[in-house]
């Protein structure tokens, strides 16, 4: 019974990730750019500069490190919103170490980012 339930959760998480990335890619396509081009775009540079003025973006959300920080998308729904405030809502700050750890957990378990962060935080305790 447990194996079937685990398989169900795994597949459900996998489908959620596909939907999230599909939505992101659709937004990128509507704006005629790839994700790599988006990361080099003025809209992303402007967003990063804006969020850096807030305390929660001056340290890692997981470990509170202030070294080698990344602004990371939790969701892509507001990535092209005209309002900087709204763009900020889908972002989180992670250091390189936690960023890599969260992505490994996310990929290995087909977890969404929120779920992977929770699991990674618990593993660090």
PDB file of N, CA and C in Angstrom:
ATOM      1  N   UNK A   1       0.833  -1.199   0.000  1.00  0.00           N
ATOM      2  CA  UNK A   1       0.000   0.000   0.000  1.00  0.00           C
ATOM      3  C   UNK A   1       0.874   1.257   0.000  1.00  0.00           C
ATOM      4  N   UNK A   2       1.909   1.254   0.851  1.00  0.00           N
ATOM      5  CA  UNK A   2       2.769   2.448   0.940  1.00  0.00           C
ATOM      6  C   UNK A   2       3.441   2.745  -0.391  1.00  0.00           C
ATOM      7  N   UNK A   3       3.906   1.707  -1.097  1.00  0.00           N
ATOM      8  CA  UNK A   3       4.581   1.912  -2.374  1.00  0.00           C
ATOM      9  C   UNK A   3       3.654   2.524  -3.407  1.00  0.00           C
ATOM     10  N   UNK A   4       2.407   2.092  -3.443  1.00  0.00           N
ATOM     11  CA  UNK A   4       1.444   2.662  -4.388  1.00  0.00           C
ATOM     12  C   UNK A   4       1.171   4.119  -4.047  1.00  0.00           C
ATOM     13  N   UNK A   5       1.065   4.421  -2.757  1.00  0.00           N
ATOM     14  CA  UNK A   5       0.826   5.806  -2.338  1.00  0.00           C
ATOM     15  C   UNK A   5       2.030   6.682  -2.685  1.00  0.00           C
ATOM     16  N   UNK A   6       3.210   6.198  -2.418  1.00  0.00           N
ATOM     17  CA  UNK A   6       4.431   6.941  -2.741  1.00  0.00           C
ATOM     18  C   UNK A   6       4.527   7.194  -4.239  1.00  0.00           C
ATOM     19  N   UNK A   7       4.188   6.185  -5.011  1.00  0.00           N
ATOM     20  CA  UNK A   7       4.221   6.328  -6.465  1.00  0.00           C
ATOM     21  C   UNK A   7       3.202   7.371  -6.929  1.00  0.00           C
ATOM     22  N   UNK A   8       2.025   7.356  -6.310  1.00  0.00           N
ATOM     23  CA  UNK A   8       0.993   8.335  -6.638  1.00  0.00           C
ATOM     24  C   UNK A   8       1.483   9.755  -6.351  1.00  0.00           C
ATOM     25  N   UNK A   9       2.049   9.973  -5.163  1.00  0.00           N
ATOM     26  CA  UNK A   9       2.559  11.299  -4.782  1.00  0.00           C
ATOM     27  C   UNK A   9       3.679  11.720  -5.722  1.00  0.00           C
ATOM     28  N   UNK A  10       4.585  10.805  -6.028  1.00  0.00           N
ATOM     29  CA  UNK A  10       5.695  11.082  -6.944  1.00  0.00           C
ATOM     30  C   UNK A  10       5.161  11.550  -8.299  1.00  0.00           C
ATOM     31  N   UNK A  11       4.218  10.823  -8.847  1.00  0.00           N
ATOM     32  CA  UNK A  11       3.651  11.177 -10.151  1.00  0.00           C
ATOM     33  C   UNK A  11       2.865  12.485 -10.103  1.00  0.00           C
ATOM     34  N   UNK A  12       2.163  12.716  -8.995  1.00  0.00           N
ATOM     35  CA  UNK A  12       1.423  13.969  -8.849  1.00  0.00           C
ATOM     36  C   UNK A  12       2.394  15.151  -8.835  1.00  0.00           C
ATOM     37  N   UNK A  13       3.479  15.035  -8.066  1.00  0.00           N
ATOM     38  CA  UNK A  13       4.483  16.091  -8.010  1.00  0.00           C
ATOM     39  C   UNK A  13       5.123  16.311  -9.376  1.00  0.00           C
ATOM     40  N   UNK A  14       5.372  15.232 -10.090  1.00  0.00           N
ATOM     41  CA  UNK A  14       5.964  15.311 -11.426  1.00  0.00           C
ATOM     42  C   UNK A  14       5.044  16.111 -12.362  1.00  0.00           C
ATOM     43  N   UNK A  15       3.753  15.857 -12.275  1.00  0.00           N
ATOM     44  CA  UNK A  15       2.787  16.578 -13.105  1.00  0.00           C
ATOM     45  C   UNK A  15       2.701  18.053 -12.730  1.00  0.00           C
ATOM     46  N   UNK A  16       2.785  18.352 -11.454  1.00  0.00           N
ATOM     47  CA  UNK A  16       2.760  19.754 -11.006  1.00  0.00           C
ATOM     48  C   UNK A  16       3.959  20.497 -11.574  1.00  0.00           C
ATOM     49  N   UNK A  17       5.139  19.884 -11.515  1.00  0.00           N
ATOM     50  CA  UNK A  17       6.339  20.517 -12.071  1.00  0.00           C
ATOM     51  C   UNK A  17       6.203  20.752 -13.569  1.00  0.00           C
ATOM     52  N   UNK A  18       5.656  19.779 -14.279  1.00  0.00           N
ATOM     53  CA  UNK A  18       5.448  19.940 -15.722  1.00  0.00           C
ATOM     54  C   UNK A  18       4.538  21.132 -15.995  1.00  0.00           C
ATOM     55  N   UNK A  19       3.489  21.271 -15.211  1.00  0.00           N
ATOM     56  CA  UNK A  19       2.548  22.382 -15.382  1.00  0.00           C
ATOM     57  C   UNK A  19       3.242  23.707 -15.112  1.00  0.00           C
ATOM     58  N   UNK A  20       4.039  23.772 -14.031  1.00  0.00           N
ATOM     59  CA  UNK A  20       4.741  25.018 -13.696  1.00  0.00           C
ATOM     60  C   UNK A  20       5.712  25.418 -14.796  1.00  0.00           C
ATOM     61  N   UNK A  21       6.505  24.459 -15.277  1.00  0.00           N
ATOM     62  CA  UNK A  21       7.472  24.777 -16.326  1.00  0.00           C
ATOM     63  C   UNK A  21       6.777  25.087 -17.645  1.00  0.00           C
ATOM     64  N   UNK A  22       5.678  24.425 -17.894  1.00  0.00           N
ATOM     65  CA  UNK A  22       4.909  24.700 -19.108  1.00  0.00           C
ATOM     66  C   UNK A  22       4.381  26.135 -19.079  1.00  0.00           C
ATOM     67  N   UNK A  23       3.875  26.555 -17.917  1.00  0.00           N
ATOM     68  CA  UNK A  23       3.364  27.925 -17.773  1.00  0.00           C
ATOM     69  C   UNK A  23       4.501  28.933 -17.933  1.00  0.00           C
ATOM     70  N   UNK A  24       5.659  28.638 -17.349  1.00  0.00           N
ATOM     71  CA  UNK A  24       6.814  29.528 -17.490  1.00  0.00           C
ATOM     72  C   UNK A  24       7.211  29.647 -18.959  1.00  0.00           C
ATOM     73  N   UNK A  25       7.310  28.510 -19.629  1.00  0.00           N
ATOM     74  CA  UNK A  25       7.728  28.517 -21.027  1.00  0.00           C
ATOM     75  C   UNK A  25       6.725  29.229 -21.921  1.00  0.00           C
ATOM     76  N   UNK A  26       5.448  29.124 -21.584  1.00  0.00           N
ATOM     77  CA  UNK A  26       4.421  29.837 -22.348  1.00  0.00           C
ATOM     78  C   UNK A  26       4.593  31.350 -22.183  1.00  0.00           C
ATOM     79  N   UNK A  27       4.856  31.792 -20.957  1.00  0.00           N
ATOM     80  CA  UNK A  27       5.081  33.226 -20.717  1.00  0.00           C
ATOM     81  C   UNK A  27       6.320  33.716 -21.474  1.00  0.00           C
ATOM     82  N   UNK A  28       7.365  32.902 -21.466  1.00  0.00           N
ATOM     83  CA  UNK A  28       8.593  33.262 -22.190  1.00  0.00           C
ATOM     84  C   UNK A  28       8.323  33.339 -23.691  1.00  0.00           C
ATOM     85  N   UNK A  29       7.600  32.355 -24.207  1.00  0.00           N
ATOM     86  CA  UNK A  29       7.297  32.330 -25.639  1.00  0.00           C
ATOM     87  C   UNK A  29       6.472  33.559 -26.032  1.00  0.00           C
ATOM     88  N   UNK A  30       5.514  33.930 -25.185  1.00  0.00           N
ATOM     89  CA  UNK A  30       4.690  35.117 -25.443  1.00  0.00           C
ATOM     90  C   UNK A  30       5.524  36.388 -25.482  1.00  0.00           C
ATOM     91  N   UNK A  31       6.673  36.359 -24.829  1.00  0.00           N
ATOM     92  CA  UNK A  31       7.571  37.517 -24.804  1.00  0.00           C
ATOM     93  C   UNK A  31       8.793  37.306 -25.702  1.00  0.00           C
ATOM     94  N   UNK A  32       8.715  36.304 -26.559  1.00  0.00           N
ATOM     95  CA  UNK A  32       9.767  36.015 -27.551  1.00  0.00           C
ATOM     96  C   UNK A  32      11.159  35.897 -26.951  1.00  0.00           C
ATOM     97  N   UNK A  33      11.289  35.087 -25.887  1.00  0.00           N
ATOM     98  CA  UNK A  33      12.619  34.869 -25.318  1.00  0.00           C
ATOM     99  C   UNK A  33      12.717  33.511 -24.661  1.00  0.00           C
ATOM    100  N   UNK A  34      13.950  33.040 -24.527  1.00  0.00           N
ATOM    101  CA  UNK A  34      14.224  31.807 -23.797  1.00  0.00           C
ATOM    102  C   UNK A  34      14.431  32.175 -22.327  1.00  0.00           C
ATOM    103  N   UNK A  35      14.507  31.161 -21.471  1.00  0.00           N
ATOM    104  CA  UNK A  35      14.749  31.441 -20.054  1.00  0.00           C
ATOM    105  C   UNK A  35      16.115  32.087 -19.855  1.00  0.00           C
ATOM    106  N   UNK A  36      17.114  31.621 -20.604  1.00  0.00           N
ATOM    107  CA  UNK A  36      18.455  32.214 -20.501  1.00  0.00           C
ATOM    108  C   UNK A  36      18.440  33.684 -20.924  1.00  0.00           C
ATOM    109  N   UNK A  37      17.689  33.995 -21.967  1.00  0.00           N
ATOM    110  CA  UNK A  37      17.557  35.399 -22.397  1.00  0.00           C
ATOM    111  C   UNK A  37      16.833  36.214 -21.340  1.00  0.00           C
ATOM    112  N   UNK A  38      15.825  35.611 -20.711  1.00  0.00           N
ATOM    113  CA  UNK A  38      15.109  36.306 -19.642  1.00  0.00           C
ATOM    114  C   UNK A  38      16.062  36.676 -18.506  1.00  0.00           C
ATOM    115  N   UNK A  39      16.943  35.735 -18.125  1.00  0.00           N
ATOM    116  CA  UNK A  39      17.871  36.000 -17.022  1.00  0.00           C
ATOM    117  C   UNK A  39      18.859  37.127 -17.340  1.00  0.00           C
ATOM    118  N   UNK A  40      19.051  37.427 -18.617  1.00  0.00           N
ATOM    119  CA  UNK A  40      19.929  38.526 -19.026  1.00  0.00           C
ATOM    120  C   UNK A  40      19.150  39.795 -19.364  1.00  0.00           C
ATOM    121  N   UNK A  41      17.840  39.736 -19.266  1.00  0.00           N
ATOM    122  CA  UNK A  41      16.983  40.849 -19.694  1.00  0.00           C
ATOM    123  C   UNK A  41      16.962  41.995 -18.679  1.00  0.00           C
ATOM    124  N   UNK A  42      16.577  43.159 -19.164  1.00  0.00           N
ATOM    125  CA  UNK A  42      16.437  44.335 -18.300  1.00  0.00           C
ATOM    126  C   UNK A  42      15.350  44.132 -17.253  1.00  0.00           C
ATOM    127  N   UNK A  43      14.283  43.434 -17.617  1.00  0.00           N
ATOM    128  CA  UNK A  43      13.189  43.222 -16.664  1.00  0.00           C
ATOM    129  C   UNK A  43      13.670  42.401 -15.464  1.00  0.00           C
ATOM    130  N   UNK A  44      14.516  41.391 -15.706  1.00  0.00           N
ATOM    131  CA  UNK A  44      15.050  40.580 -14.604  1.00  0.00           C
ATOM    132  C   UNK A  44      16.076  41.372 -13.800  1.00  0.00           C
ATOM    133  N   UNK A  45      16.943  42.128 -14.480  1.00  0.00           N
ATOM    134  CA  UNK A  45      17.931  42.952 -13.776  1.00  0.00           C
ATOM    135  C   UNK A  45      17.237  43.978 -12.885  1.00  0.00           C
ATOM    136  N   UNK A  46      16.188  44.598 -13.409  1.00  0.00           N
ATOM    137  CA  UNK A  46      15.421  45.587 -12.653  1.00  0.00           C
ATOM    138  C   UNK A  46      14.754  44.929 -11.436  1.00  0.00           C
ATOM    139  N   UNK A  47      14.211  43.753 -11.638  1.00  0.00           N
ATOM    140  CA  UNK A  47      13.553  43.028 -10.545  1.00  0.00           C
ATOM    141  C   UNK A  47      14.557  42.681  -9.454  1.00  0.00           C
ATOM    142  N   UNK A  48      15.727  42.152  -9.831  1.00  0.00           N
ATOM    143  CA  UNK A  48      16.752  41.795  -8.836  1.00  0.00           C
ATOM    144  C   UNK A  48      17.205  43.006  -8.035  1.00  0.00           C
ATOM    145  N   UNK A  49      17.434  44.112  -8.714  1.00  0.00           N
ATOM    146  CA  UNK A  49      17.859  45.334  -8.011  1.00  0.00           C
ATOM    147  C   UNK A  49      16.774  45.811  -7.046  1.00  0.00           C
ATOM    148  N   UNK A  50      15.539  45.716  -7.464  1.00  0.00           N
ATOM    149  CA  UNK A  50      14.413  46.145  -6.621  1.00  0.00           C
ATOM    150  C   UNK A  50      14.325  45.300  -5.348  1.00  0.00           C
ATOM    151  N   UNK A  51      14.385  43.976  -5.487  1.00  0.00           N
ATOM    152  CA  UNK A  51      14.181  43.119  -4.316  1.00  0.00           C
ATOM    153  C   UNK A  51      15.353  43.171  -3.337  1.00  0.00           C
ATOM    154  N   UNK A  52      16.530  43.531  -3.804  1.00  0.00           N
ATOM    155  CA  UNK A  52      17.707  43.581  -2.921  1.00  0.00           C
ATOM    156  C   UNK A  52      17.575  44.627  -1.817  1.00  0.00           C
ATOM    157  N   UNK A  53      16.645  45.553  -1.974  1.00  0.00           N
ATOM    158  CA  UNK A  53      16.460  46.568  -0.934  1.00  0.00           C
ATOM    159  C   UNK A  53      15.657  46.043   0.266  1.00  0.00           C
ATOM    160  N   UNK A  54      15.088  44.847   0.150  1.00  0.00           N
ATOM    161  CA  UNK A  54      14.285  44.270   1.226  1.00  0.00           C
ATOM    162  C   UNK A  54      15.128  43.301   2.048  1.00  0.00           C
ATOM    163  N   UNK A  55      14.976  43.319   3.390  1.00  0.00           N
ATOM    164  CA  UNK A  55      15.809  42.492   4.268  1.00  0.00           C
ATOM    165  C   UNK A  55      15.764  40.995   3.935  1.00  0.00           C
ATOM    166  N   UNK A  56      14.620  40.484   3.532  1.00  0.00           N
ATOM    167  CA  UNK A  56      14.514  39.046   3.257  1.00  0.00           C
ATOM    168  C   UNK A  56      15.305  38.609   2.025  1.00  0.00           C
ATOM    169  N   UNK A  57      15.815  39.574   1.268  1.00  0.00           N
ATOM    170  CA  UNK A  57      16.630  39.247   0.098  1.00  0.00           C
ATOM    171  C   UNK A  57      18.113  39.562   0.323  1.00  0.00           C
ATOM    172  N   UNK A  58      18.482  39.800   1.581  1.00  0.00           N
ATOM    173  CA  UNK A  58      19.879  40.058   1.924  1.00  0.00           C
ATOM    174  C   UNK A  58      20.529  38.878   2.638  1.00  0.00           C
ATOM    175  N   UNK A  59      19.765  37.790   2.775  1.00  0.00           N
ATOM    176  CA  UNK A  59      20.313  36.569   3.363  1.00  0.00           C
ATOM    177  C   UNK A  59      19.523  35.379   2.841  1.00  0.00           C
ATOM    178  N   UNK A  60      20.106  34.210   2.944  1.00  0.00           N
ATOM    179  CA  UNK A  60      19.484  32.983   2.463  1.00  0.00           C
ATOM    180  C   UNK A  60      18.260  32.637   3.314  1.00  0.00           C
ATOM    181  N   UNK A  61      17.179  32.311   2.675  1.00  0.00           N
ATOM    182  CA  UNK A  61      15.937  31.938   3.346  1.00  0.00           C
ATOM    183  C   UNK A  61      16.114  30.684   4.198  1.00  0.00           C
ATOM    184  N   UNK A  62      16.988  29.785   3.788  1.00  0.00           N
ATOM    185  CA  UNK A  62      17.165  28.507   4.480  1.00  0.00           C
ATOM    186  C   UNK A  62      18.167  28.607   5.621  1.00  0.00           C
ATOM    187  N   UNK A  63      19.366  29.139   5.346  1.00  0.00           N
ATOM    188  CA  UNK A  63      20.457  29.083   6.343  1.00  0.00           C
ATOM    189  C   UNK A  63      20.910  30.456   6.844  1.00  0.00           C
ATOM    190  N   UNK A  64      20.355  31.524   6.319  1.00  0.00           N
ATOM    191  CA  UNK A  64      20.681  32.908   6.701  1.00  0.00           C
ATOM    192  C   UNK A  64      22.067  33.371   6.258  1.00  0.00           C
ATOM    193  N   UNK A  65      22.724  32.617   5.404  1.00  0.00           N
ATOM    194  CA  UNK A  65      24.025  33.034   4.879  1.00  0.00           C
ATOM    195  C   UNK A  65      23.863  34.323   4.068  1.00  0.00           C
ATOM    196  N   UNK A  66      24.916  35.112   4.044  1.00  0.00           N
ATOM    197  CA  UNK A  66      24.907  36.339   3.238  1.00  0.00           C
ATOM    198  C   UNK A  66      25.925  36.249   2.096  1.00  0.00           C
ATOM    199  N   UNK A  67      26.453  35.046   1.857  1.00  0.00           N
ATOM    200  CA  UNK A  67      27.487  34.844   0.839  1.00  0.00           C
ATOM    201  C   UNK A  67      26.898  34.154  -0.390  1.00  0.00           C
ATOM    202  N   UNK A  68      27.264  34.659  -1.577  1.00  0.00           N
ATOM    203  CA  UNK A  68      26.850  34.087  -2.872  1.00  0.00           C
ATOM    204  C   UNK A  68      25.351  33.834  -2.928  1.00  0.00           C
ATOM    205  N   UNK A  69      24.585  34.900  -2.875  1.00  0.00           N
ATOM    206  CA  UNK A  69      23.125  34.795  -2.871  1.00  0.00           C
ATOM    207  C   UNK A  69      22.554  34.792  -4.283  1.00  0.00           C
ATOM    208  N   UNK A  70      21.459  34.058  -4.450  1.00  0.00           N
ATOM    209  CA  UNK A  70      20.717  33.995  -5.710  1.00  0.00           C
ATOM    210  C   UNK A  70      19.276  34.403  -5.459  1.00  0.00           C
ATOM    211  N   UNK A  71      18.733  35.199  -6.340  1.00  0.00           N
ATOM    212  CA  UNK A  71      17.301  35.468  -6.303  1.00  0.00           C
ATOM    213  C   UNK A  71      16.672  34.375  -7.164  1.00  0.00           C
ATOM    214  N   UNK A  72      15.728  33.658  -6.608  1.00  0.00           N
ATOM    215  CA  UNK A  72      15.194  32.467  -7.253  1.00  0.00           C
ATOM    216  C   UNK A  72      13.674  32.566  -7.381  1.00  0.00           C
ATOM    217  N   UNK A  73      13.142  32.075  -8.502  1.00  0.00           N
ATOM    218  CA  UNK A  73      11.692  32.045  -8.694  1.00  0.00           C
ATOM    219  C   UNK A  73      11.075  30.880  -7.931  1.00  0.00           C
ATOM    220  N   UNK A  74      10.085  31.173  -7.100  1.00  0.00           N
ATOM    221  CA  UNK A  74       9.265  30.135  -6.477  1.00  0.00           C
ATOM    222  C   UNK A  74       8.125  29.793  -7.437  1.00  0.00           C
ATOM    223  N   UNK A  75       7.666  30.799  -8.138  1.00  0.00           N
ATOM    224  CA  UNK A  75       6.604  30.658  -9.120  1.00  0.00           C
ATOM    225  C   UNK A  75       6.900  31.626 -10.258  1.00  0.00           C
ATOM    226  N   UNK A  76       6.397  31.305 -11.417  1.00  0.00           N
ATOM    227  CA  UNK A  76       6.680  32.130 -12.594  1.00  0.00           C
ATOM    228  C   UNK A  76       5.473  32.946 -13.029  1.00  0.00           C
ATOM    229  N   UNK A  77       4.429  32.954 -12.226  1.00  0.00           N
ATOM    230  CA  UNK A  77       3.184  33.597 -12.643  1.00  0.00           C
ATOM    231  C   UNK A  77       3.310  35.104 -12.824  1.00  0.00           C
ATOM    232  N   UNK A  78       4.206  35.736 -12.091  1.00  0.00           N
ATOM    233  CA  UNK A  78       4.296  37.198 -12.156  1.00  0.00           C
ATOM    234  C   UNK A  78       5.617  37.689 -12.744  1.00  0.00           C
ATOM    235  N   UNK A  79       6.312  36.831 -13.449  1.00  0.00           N
ATOM    236  CA  UNK A  79       7.656  37.188 -13.921  1.00  0.00           C
ATOM    237  C   UNK A  79       7.671  38.366 -14.888  1.00  0.00           C
ATOM    238  N   UNK A  80       6.571  38.627 -15.591  1.00  0.00           N
ATOM    239  CA  UNK A  80       6.521  39.743 -16.526  1.00  0.00           C
ATOM    240  C   UNK A  80       5.539  40.831 -16.092  1.00  0.00           C
ATOM    241  N   UNK A  81       5.069  40.761 -14.859  1.00  0.00           N
ATOM    242  CA  UNK A  81       4.117  41.766 -14.382  1.00  0.00           C
ATOM    243  C   UNK A  81       4.747  43.156 -14.437  1.00  0.00           C
ATOM    244  N   UNK A  82       3.950  44.155 -14.738  1.00  0.00           N
ATOM    245  CA  UNK A  82       4.461  45.536 -14.813  1.00  0.00           C
ATOM    246  C   UNK A  82       4.856  46.067 -13.431  1.00  0.00           C
ATOM    247  N   UNK A  83       4.209  45.545 -12.393  1.00  0.00           N
ATOM    248  CA  UNK A  83       4.468  45.993 -11.025  1.00  0.00           C
ATOM    249  C   UNK A  83       5.650  45.242 -10.407  1.00  0.00           C
ATOM    250  N   UNK A  84       6.662  45.987  -9.973  1.00  0.00           N
ATOM    251  CA  UNK A  84       7.805  45.368  -9.292  1.00  0.00           C
ATOM    252  C   UNK A  84       7.354  44.662  -8.017  1.00  0.00           C
ATOM    253  N   UNK A  85       6.390  45.248  -7.317  1.00  0.00           N
ATOM    254  CA  UNK A  85       5.871  44.647  -6.090  1.00  0.00           C
ATOM    255  C   UNK A  85       5.303  43.259  -6.363  1.00  0.00           C
ATOM    256  N   UNK A  86       4.562  43.134  -7.447  1.00  0.00           N
ATOM    257  CA  UNK A  86       3.967  41.841  -7.784  1.00  0.00           C
ATOM    258  C   UNK A  86       5.024  40.844  -8.244  1.00  0.00           C
ATOM    259  N   UNK A  87       6.040  41.312  -8.979  1.00  0.00           N
ATOM    260  CA  UNK A  87       7.117  40.410  -9.409  1.00  0.00           C
ATOM    261  C   UNK A  87       7.852  39.844  -8.206  1.00  0.00           C
ATOM    262  N   UNK A  88       7.999  40.654  -7.148  1.00  0.00           N
ATOM    263  CA  UNK A  88       8.704  40.247  -5.930  1.00  0.00           C
ATOM    264  C   UNK A  88       8.000  39.085  -5.228  1.00  0.00           C
ATOM    265  N   UNK A  89       6.692  38.995  -5.368  1.00  0.00           N
ATOM    266  CA  UNK A  89       5.915  37.992  -4.634  1.00  0.00           C
ATOM    267  C   UNK A  89       6.298  36.556  -4.967  1.00  0.00           C
ATOM    268  N   UNK A  90       6.806  36.293  -6.150  1.00  0.00           N
ATOM    269  CA  UNK A  90       7.134  34.927  -6.519  1.00  0.00           C
ATOM    270  C   UNK A  90       8.602  34.582  -6.371  1.00  0.00           C
ATOM    271  N   UNK A  91       9.343  35.389  -5.599  1.00  0.00           N
ATOM    272  CA  UNK A  91      10.794  35.210  -5.500  1.00  0.00           C
ATOM    273  C   UNK A  91      11.234  34.836  -4.092  1.00  0.00           C
ATOM    274  N   UNK A  92      12.411  34.229  -4.017  1.00  0.00           N
ATOM    275  CA  UNK A  92      13.017  33.867  -2.736  1.00  0.00           C
ATOM    276  C   UNK A  92      14.527  34.016  -2.888  1.00  0.00           C
ATOM    277  N   UNK A  93      15.214  34.230  -1.773  1.00  0.00           N
ATOM    278  CA  UNK A  93      16.670  34.366  -1.802  1.00  0.00           C
ATOM    279  C   UNK A  93      17.307  33.101  -1.210  1.00  0.00           C
ATOM    280  N   UNK A  94      18.233  32.500  -1.978  1.00  0.00           N
ATOM    281  CA  UNK A  94      18.949  31.311  -1.525  1.00  0.00           C
ATOM    282  C   UNK A  94      20.443  31.484  -1.790  1.00  0.00           C
ATOM    283  N   UNK A  95      21.278  30.980  -0.883  1.00  0.00           N
ATOM    284  CA  UNK A  95      22.724  30.966  -1.145  1.00  0.00           C
ATOM    285  C   UNK A  95      23.008  29.832  -2.142  1.00  0.00           C
ATOM    286  N   UNK A  96      24.197  29.815  -2.713  1.00  0.00           N
ATOM    287  CA  UNK A  96      24.545  28.777  -3.707  1.00  0.00           C
ATOM    288  C   UNK A  96      24.391  27.366  -3.148  1.00  0.00           C
ATOM    289  N   UNK A  97      24.846  27.153  -1.913  1.00  0.00           N
ATOM    290  CA  UNK A  97      24.791  25.816  -1.307  1.00  0.00           C
ATOM    291  C   UNK A  97      23.346  25.343  -1.166  1.00  0.00           C
ATOM    292  N   UNK A  98      22.496  26.183  -0.589  1.00  0.00           N
ATOM    293  CA  UNK A  98      21.094  25.804  -0.397  1.00  0.00           C
ATOM    294  C   UNK A  98      20.364  25.709  -1.736  1.00  0.00           C
ATOM    295  N   UNK A  99      20.685  26.605  -2.656  1.00  0.00           N
ATOM    296  CA  UNK A  99      20.090  26.571  -3.996  1.00  0.00           C
ATOM    297  C   UNK A  99      20.347  25.215  -4.657  1.00  0.00           C
ATOM    298  N   UNK A 100      21.601  24.761  -4.611  1.00  0.00           N
ATOM    299  CA  UNK A 100      21.948  23.473  -5.209  1.00  0.00           C
ATOM    300  C   UNK A 100      21.268  22.316  -4.479  1.00  0.00           C
ATOM    301  N   UNK A 101      21.271  22.365  -3.144  1.00  0.00           N
ATOM    302  CA  UNK A 101      20.638  21.312  -2.350  1.00  0.00           C
ATOM    303  C   UNK A 101      19.146  21.212  -2.604  1.00  0.00           C
ATOM    304  N   UNK A 102      18.487  22.359  -2.690  1.00  0.00           N
ATOM    305  CA  UNK A 102      17.044  22.388  -2.945  1.00  0.00           C
ATOM    306  C   UNK A 102      16.747  21.819  -4.331  1.00  0.00           C
ATOM    307  N   UNK A 103      17.561  22.168  -5.316  1.00  0.00           N
ATOM    308  CA  UNK A 103      17.323  21.659  -6.670  1.00  0.00           C
ATOM    309  C   UNK A 103      17.541  20.149  -6.745  1.00  0.00           C
ATOM    310  N   UNK A 104      18.525  19.630  -6.028  1.00  0.00           N
ATOM    311  CA  UNK A 104      18.759  18.183  -6.015  1.00  0.00           C
ATOM    312  C   UNK A 104      17.546  17.467  -5.420  1.00  0.00           C
ATOM    313  N   UNK A 105      17.053  17.960  -4.293  1.00  0.00           N
ATOM    314  CA  UNK A 105      15.871  17.355  -3.669  1.00  0.00           C
ATOM    315  C   UNK A 105      14.665  17.464  -4.592  1.00  0.00           C
ATOM    316  N   UNK A 106      14.509  18.619  -5.203  1.00  0.00           N
ATOM    317  CA  UNK A 106      13.383  18.842  -6.115  1.00  0.00           C
ATOM    318  C   UNK A 106      13.418  17.864  -7.290  1.00  0.00           C
ATOM    319  N   UNK A 107      14.589  17.715  -7.891  1.00  0.00           N
ATOM    320  CA  UNK A 107      14.715  16.829  -9.062  1.00  0.00           C
ATOM    321  C   UNK A 107      14.638  15.358  -8.683  1.00  0.00           C
ATOM    322  N   UNK A 108      15.254  14.982  -7.572  1.00  0.00           N
ATOM    323  CA  UNK A 108      15.258  13.577  -7.171  1.00  0.00           C
ATOM    324  C   UNK A 108      13.865  13.085  -6.764  1.00  0.00           C
ATOM    325  N   UNK A 109      13.049  13.994  -6.229  1.00  0.00           N
ATOM    326  CA  UNK A 109      11.737  13.601  -5.715  1.00  0.00           C
ATOM    327  C   UNK A 109      10.570  14.172  -6.512  1.00  0.00           C
ATOM    328  N   UNK A 110      10.886  14.924  -7.571  1.00  0.00           N
ATOM    329  CA  UNK A 110       9.855  15.625  -8.338  1.00  0.00           C
ATOM    330  C   UNK A 110       9.014  16.530  -7.438  1.00  0.00           C
ATOM    331  N   UNK A 111       9.685  17.203  -6.507  1.00  0.00           N
ATOM    332  CA  UNK A 111       9.014  18.140  -5.625  1.00  0.00           C
ATOM    333  C   UNK A 111       8.980  19.519  -6.263  1.00  0.00           C
ATOM    334  N   UNK A 112       7.961  20.271  -5.923  1.00  0.00           N
ATOM    335  CA  UNK A 112       7.950  21.689  -6.241  1.00  0.00           C
ATOM    336  C   UNK A 112       8.951  22.378  -5.326  1.00  0.00           C
ATOM    337  N   UNK A 113       9.276  23.618  -5.612  1.00  0.00           N
ATOM    338  CA  UNK A 113      10.308  24.317  -4.848  1.00  0.00           C
ATOM    339  C   UNK A 113       9.945  24.476  -3.373  1.00  0.00           C
ATOM    340  N   UNK A 114       8.697  24.829  -3.070  1.00  0.00           N
ATOM    341  CA  UNK A 114       8.299  24.996  -1.670  1.00  0.00           C
ATOM    342  C   UNK A 114       8.496  23.706  -0.879  1.00  0.00           C
ATOM    343  N   UNK A 115       8.068  22.601  -1.449  1.00  0.00           N
ATOM    344  CA  UNK A 115       8.190  21.306  -0.790  1.00  0.00           C
ATOM    345  C   UNK A 115       9.667  20.913  -0.635  1.00  0.00           C
ATOM    346  N   UNK A 116      10.468  21.182  -1.649  1.00  0.00           N
ATOM    347  CA  UNK A 116      11.897  20.861  -1.590  1.00  0.00           C
ATOM    348  C   UNK A 116      12.603  21.701  -0.524  1.00  0.00           C
ATOM    349  N   UNK A 117      12.237  22.969  -0.401  1.00  0.00           N
ATOM    350  CA  UNK A 117      12.841  23.838   0.618  1.00  0.00           C
ATOM    351  C   UNK A 117      12.513  23.319   2.008  1.00  0.00           C
ATOM    352  N   UNK A 118      11.259  22.936   2.240  1.00  0.00           N
ATOM    353  CA  UNK A 118      10.870  22.401   3.554  1.00  0.00           C
ATOM    354  C   UNK A 118      11.692  21.152   3.889  1.00  0.00           C
ATOM    355  N   UNK A 119      11.796  20.252   2.924  1.00  0.00           N
ATOM    356  CA  UNK A 119      12.553  19.011   3.145  1.00  0.00           C
ATOM    357  C   UNK A 119      14.036  19.314   3.378  1.00  0.00           C
ATOM    358  N   UNK A 120      14.583  20.226   2.598  1.00  0.00           N
ATOM    359  CA  UNK A 120      15.998  20.592   2.738  1.00  0.00           C
ATOM    360  C   UNK A 120      16.264  21.249   4.100  1.00  0.00           C
ATOM    361  N   UNK A 121      15.353  22.109   4.537  1.00  0.00           N
ATOM    362  CA  UNK A 121      15.501  22.748   5.855  1.00  0.00           C
ATOM    363  C   UNK A 121      15.513  21.710   6.966  1.00  0.00           C
ATOM    364  N   UNK A 122      14.577  20.738   6.884  1.00  0.00           N
ATOM    365  CA  UNK A 122      14.522  19.680   7.898  1.00  0.00           C
ATOM    366  C   UNK A 122      15.778  18.831   7.900  1.00  0.00           C
ATOM    367  N   UNK A 123      16.312  18.572   6.720  1.00  0.00           N
ATOM    368  CA  UNK A 123      17.529  17.746   6.601  1.00  0.00           C
ATOM    369  C   UNK A 123      18.750  18.459   7.202  1.00  0.00           C
ATOM    370  N   UNK A 124      18.737  19.776   7.189  1.00  0.00           N
ATOM    371  CA  UNK A 124      19.870  20.551   7.712  1.00  0.00           C
ATOM    372  C   UNK A 124      19.879  20.610   9.233  1.00  0.00           C
ATOM    373  N   UNK A 125      18.736  20.364   9.873  1.00  0.00           N
ATOM    374  CA  UNK A 125      18.647  20.471  11.345  1.00  0.00           C
ATOM    375  C   UNK A 125      19.349  19.359  12.064  1.00  0.00           C
TER     376      UNK A 125
END
